[in-house]
Amino acid sequence: MARAGLDWSLEDLAQAAGVHRNTISSFERGIYEGEPNSLAKIRKALEKAGIEFTDGEALGVRLKAKRR
C-alpha cells in the first residue's frame, strides 16, 4: 500500500532503500519475512518520501499532509 500510494515501482523503492527489488517483491507477496535490516531500510525510505505508518485500531499507512 505504501509503495502504491507513492506511485513507486519496485525499482523506485529498491533504489531509495538500497535493497534488491526481489527482496521487496518477495516481502510484498508474503513469501519472505525479510531481514530486520532490510525492512528498516525500506521503512526509512518510505517515511522519507512522506509515508506515515499507523498503528491505531487498524494497521496501515497514509501519506502525510504536505506542508505549505
N, C-alpha and C. Protein backbone atom coordinates (compact mmCIF):
# COMPACT_ATOMS: atom_id res chain seq x y z
N MET A 1 0.81 -1.20 0.00
CA MET A 1 0.00 0.00 0.00
C MET A 1 0.86 1.26 0.00
N ALA A 2 1.93 1.25 0.76
CA ALA A 2 2.77 2.45 0.85
C ALA A 2 3.41 2.75 -0.50
N ARG A 3 3.93 1.74 -1.14
CA ARG A 3 4.58 1.93 -2.44
C ARG A 3 3.56 2.41 -3.47
N ALA A 4 2.38 1.83 -3.44
CA ALA A 4 1.33 2.23 -4.37
C ALA A 4 0.90 3.67 -4.13
N GLY A 5 0.83 4.07 -2.86
CA GLY A 5 0.45 5.44 -2.53
C GLY A 5 1.42 6.47 -3.07
N LEU A 6 2.65 6.07 -3.22
CA LEU A 6 3.67 6.96 -3.77
C LEU A 6 3.78 6.84 -5.29
N ASP A 7 3.07 5.86 -5.85
CA ASP A 7 3.16 5.55 -7.27
C ASP A 7 4.59 5.17 -7.64
N TRP A 8 5.22 4.37 -6.77
CA TRP A 8 6.59 3.90 -6.98
C TRP A 8 6.59 2.49 -7.53
N SER A 9 7.50 2.22 -8.42
CA SER A 9 7.73 0.86 -8.90
C SER A 9 8.61 0.12 -7.89
N LEU A 10 8.75 -1.18 -8.09
CA LEU A 10 9.68 -1.94 -7.25
C LEU A 10 11.08 -1.34 -7.34
N GLU A 11 11.47 -0.97 -8.55
CA GLU A 11 12.80 -0.40 -8.75
C GLU A 11 12.98 0.92 -8.01
N ASP A 12 11.92 1.74 -8.01
CA ASP A 12 11.98 3.03 -7.30
C ASP A 12 12.25 2.81 -5.82
N LEU A 13 11.49 1.91 -5.20
CA LEU A 13 11.67 1.66 -3.78
C LEU A 13 13.01 0.98 -3.50
N ALA A 14 13.38 0.04 -4.34
CA ALA A 14 14.66 -0.65 -4.15
C ALA A 14 15.81 0.34 -4.18
N GLN A 15 15.79 1.27 -5.12
CA GLN A 15 16.84 2.27 -5.21
C GLN A 15 16.83 3.19 -3.99
N ALA A 16 15.66 3.64 -3.59
CA ALA A 16 15.56 4.56 -2.45
C ALA A 16 16.01 3.89 -1.15
N ALA A 17 15.73 2.59 -1.02
CA ALA A 17 16.04 1.87 0.21
C ALA A 17 17.42 1.21 0.19
N GLY A 18 17.98 1.06 -0.99
CA GLY A 18 19.28 0.39 -1.09
C GLY A 18 19.19 -1.11 -0.88
N VAL A 19 18.07 -1.71 -1.30
CA VAL A 19 17.91 -3.16 -1.23
C VAL A 19 17.54 -3.68 -2.61
N HIS A 20 17.66 -4.99 -2.80
CA HIS A 20 17.34 -5.58 -4.09
C HIS A 20 15.84 -5.62 -4.30
N ARG A 21 15.41 -5.40 -5.54
CA ARG A 21 13.97 -5.40 -5.86
C ARG A 21 13.32 -6.73 -5.54
N ASN A 22 14.06 -7.84 -5.64
CA ASN A 22 13.49 -9.15 -5.32
C ASN A 22 13.14 -9.26 -3.84
N THR A 23 13.91 -8.58 -2.99
CA THR A 23 13.61 -8.57 -1.55
C THR A 23 12.24 -7.95 -1.32
N ILE A 24 11.99 -6.83 -1.98
CA ILE A 24 10.71 -6.13 -1.83
C ILE A 24 9.57 -6.96 -2.42
N SER A 25 9.78 -7.49 -3.60
CA SER A 25 8.76 -8.29 -4.27
C SER A 25 8.37 -9.50 -3.43
N SER A 26 9.36 -10.21 -2.93
CA SER A 26 9.09 -11.40 -2.11
C SER A 26 8.38 -11.04 -0.81
N PHE A 27 8.77 -9.92 -0.21
CA PHE A 27 8.12 -9.47 1.02
C PHE A 27 6.66 -9.11 0.75
N GLU A 28 6.42 -8.36 -0.32
CA GLU A 28 5.06 -7.93 -0.65
C GLU A 28 4.15 -9.12 -0.96
N ARG A 29 4.70 -10.16 -1.54
CA ARG A 29 3.91 -11.35 -1.88
C ARG A 29 3.76 -12.31 -0.71
N GLY A 30 4.42 -12.01 0.41
CA GLY A 30 4.30 -12.83 1.60
C GLY A 30 5.08 -14.12 1.57
N ILE A 31 6.07 -14.21 0.70
CA ILE A 31 6.87 -15.44 0.64
C ILE A 31 8.21 -15.29 1.34
N TYR A 32 8.45 -14.11 1.89
CA TYR A 32 9.70 -13.83 2.59
C TYR A 32 9.41 -12.82 3.69
N GLU A 33 9.83 -13.14 4.91
CA GLU A 33 9.58 -12.24 6.03
C GLU A 33 10.48 -11.02 6.02
N GLY A 34 11.62 -11.13 5.41
CA GLY A 34 12.55 -10.01 5.34
C GLY A 34 13.51 -9.97 6.51
N GLU A 35 14.71 -9.53 6.25
CA GLU A 35 15.71 -9.33 7.29
C GLU A 35 15.41 -8.01 7.98
N PRO A 36 15.56 -7.94 9.30
CA PRO A 36 15.27 -6.70 10.02
C PRO A 36 15.99 -5.48 9.45
N ASN A 37 17.24 -5.63 9.04
CA ASN A 37 17.99 -4.51 8.50
C ASN A 37 17.38 -4.02 7.18
N SER A 38 16.99 -4.95 6.33
CA SER A 38 16.37 -4.58 5.04
C SER A 38 15.03 -3.92 5.26
N LEU A 39 14.24 -4.46 6.18
CA LEU A 39 12.93 -3.88 6.46
C LEU A 39 13.06 -2.47 7.02
N ALA A 40 14.07 -2.25 7.85
CA ALA A 40 14.30 -0.91 8.40
C ALA A 40 14.67 0.07 7.30
N LYS A 41 15.47 -0.37 6.34
CA LYS A 41 15.85 0.50 5.21
C LYS A 41 14.63 0.85 4.38
N ILE A 42 13.77 -0.13 4.14
CA ILE A 42 12.57 0.10 3.35
C ILE A 42 11.65 1.08 4.07
N ARG A 43 11.44 0.86 5.35
CA ARG A 43 10.58 1.76 6.13
C ARG A 43 11.14 3.19 6.13
N LYS A 44 12.44 3.33 6.32
CA LYS A 44 13.06 4.65 6.35
C LYS A 44 12.87 5.36 5.01
N ALA A 45 13.05 4.64 3.91
CA ALA A 45 12.88 5.23 2.58
C ALA A 45 11.44 5.69 2.37
N LEU A 46 10.49 4.88 2.79
CA LEU A 46 9.08 5.24 2.63
C LEU A 46 8.71 6.44 3.50
N GLU A 47 9.20 6.46 4.73
CA GLU A 47 8.92 7.60 5.61
C GLU A 47 9.55 8.88 5.06
N LYS A 48 10.74 8.77 4.52
CA LYS A 48 11.40 9.95 3.94
C LYS A 48 10.60 10.50 2.76
N ALA A 49 9.90 9.60 2.06
CA ALA A 49 9.10 10.00 0.90
C ALA A 49 7.72 10.52 1.30
N GLY A 50 7.38 10.46 2.60
CA GLY A 50 6.12 11.02 3.05
C GLY A 50 5.10 10.03 3.55
N ILE A 51 5.48 8.77 3.70
CA ILE A 51 4.55 7.77 4.21
C ILE A 51 4.59 7.78 5.73
N GLU A 52 3.43 7.68 6.33
CA GLU A 52 3.31 7.58 7.78
C GLU A 52 2.68 6.23 8.10
N PHE A 53 3.33 5.44 8.93
CA PHE A 53 2.80 4.15 9.34
C PHE A 53 1.88 4.36 10.54
N THR A 54 0.68 3.82 10.47
CA THR A 54 -0.28 3.97 11.55
C THR A 54 -0.37 2.67 12.34
N ASP A 55 -0.65 2.78 13.60
CA ASP A 55 -0.79 1.57 14.41
C ASP A 55 -1.90 1.74 15.43
N GLY A 56 -2.94 2.40 15.01
CA GLY A 56 -4.11 2.58 15.88
C GLY A 56 -4.96 1.32 15.87
N GLU A 57 -6.26 1.48 15.81
CA GLU A 57 -7.15 0.33 15.77
C GLU A 57 -6.91 -0.52 14.53
N ALA A 58 -6.59 0.11 13.43
CA ALA A 58 -6.33 -0.61 12.18
C ALA A 58 -4.92 -0.27 11.71
N LEU A 59 -4.11 -1.31 11.51
CA LEU A 59 -2.77 -1.08 10.99
C LEU A 59 -2.87 -0.60 9.56
N GLY A 60 -1.97 0.27 9.17
CA GLY A 60 -1.99 0.75 7.81
C GLY A 60 -0.95 1.83 7.56
N VAL A 61 -1.09 2.49 6.43
CA VAL A 61 -0.20 3.58 6.05
C VAL A 61 -1.04 4.69 5.46
N ARG A 62 -0.47 5.90 5.48
CA ARG A 62 -1.10 7.03 4.83
C ARG A 62 -0.01 8.02 4.45
N LEU A 63 -0.33 8.86 3.49
CA LEU A 63 0.58 9.93 3.09
C LEU A 63 0.44 11.07 4.09
N LYS A 64 1.54 11.60 4.54
CA LYS A 64 1.50 12.76 5.43
C LYS A 64 0.99 13.95 4.65
N ALA A 65 0.31 14.84 5.33
CA ALA A 65 -0.16 16.06 4.68
C ALA A 65 1.04 16.89 4.28
N LYS A 66 0.99 17.45 3.08
CA LYS A 66 2.08 18.31 2.63
C LYS A 66 2.06 19.63 3.36
N ARG A 67 3.22 20.05 3.78
CA ARG A 67 3.33 21.33 4.49
C ARG A 67 3.38 22.46 3.48
N ARG A 68 2.75 23.58 3.83
CA ARG A 68 2.75 24.74 2.94
C ARG A 68 3.65 25.81 3.47
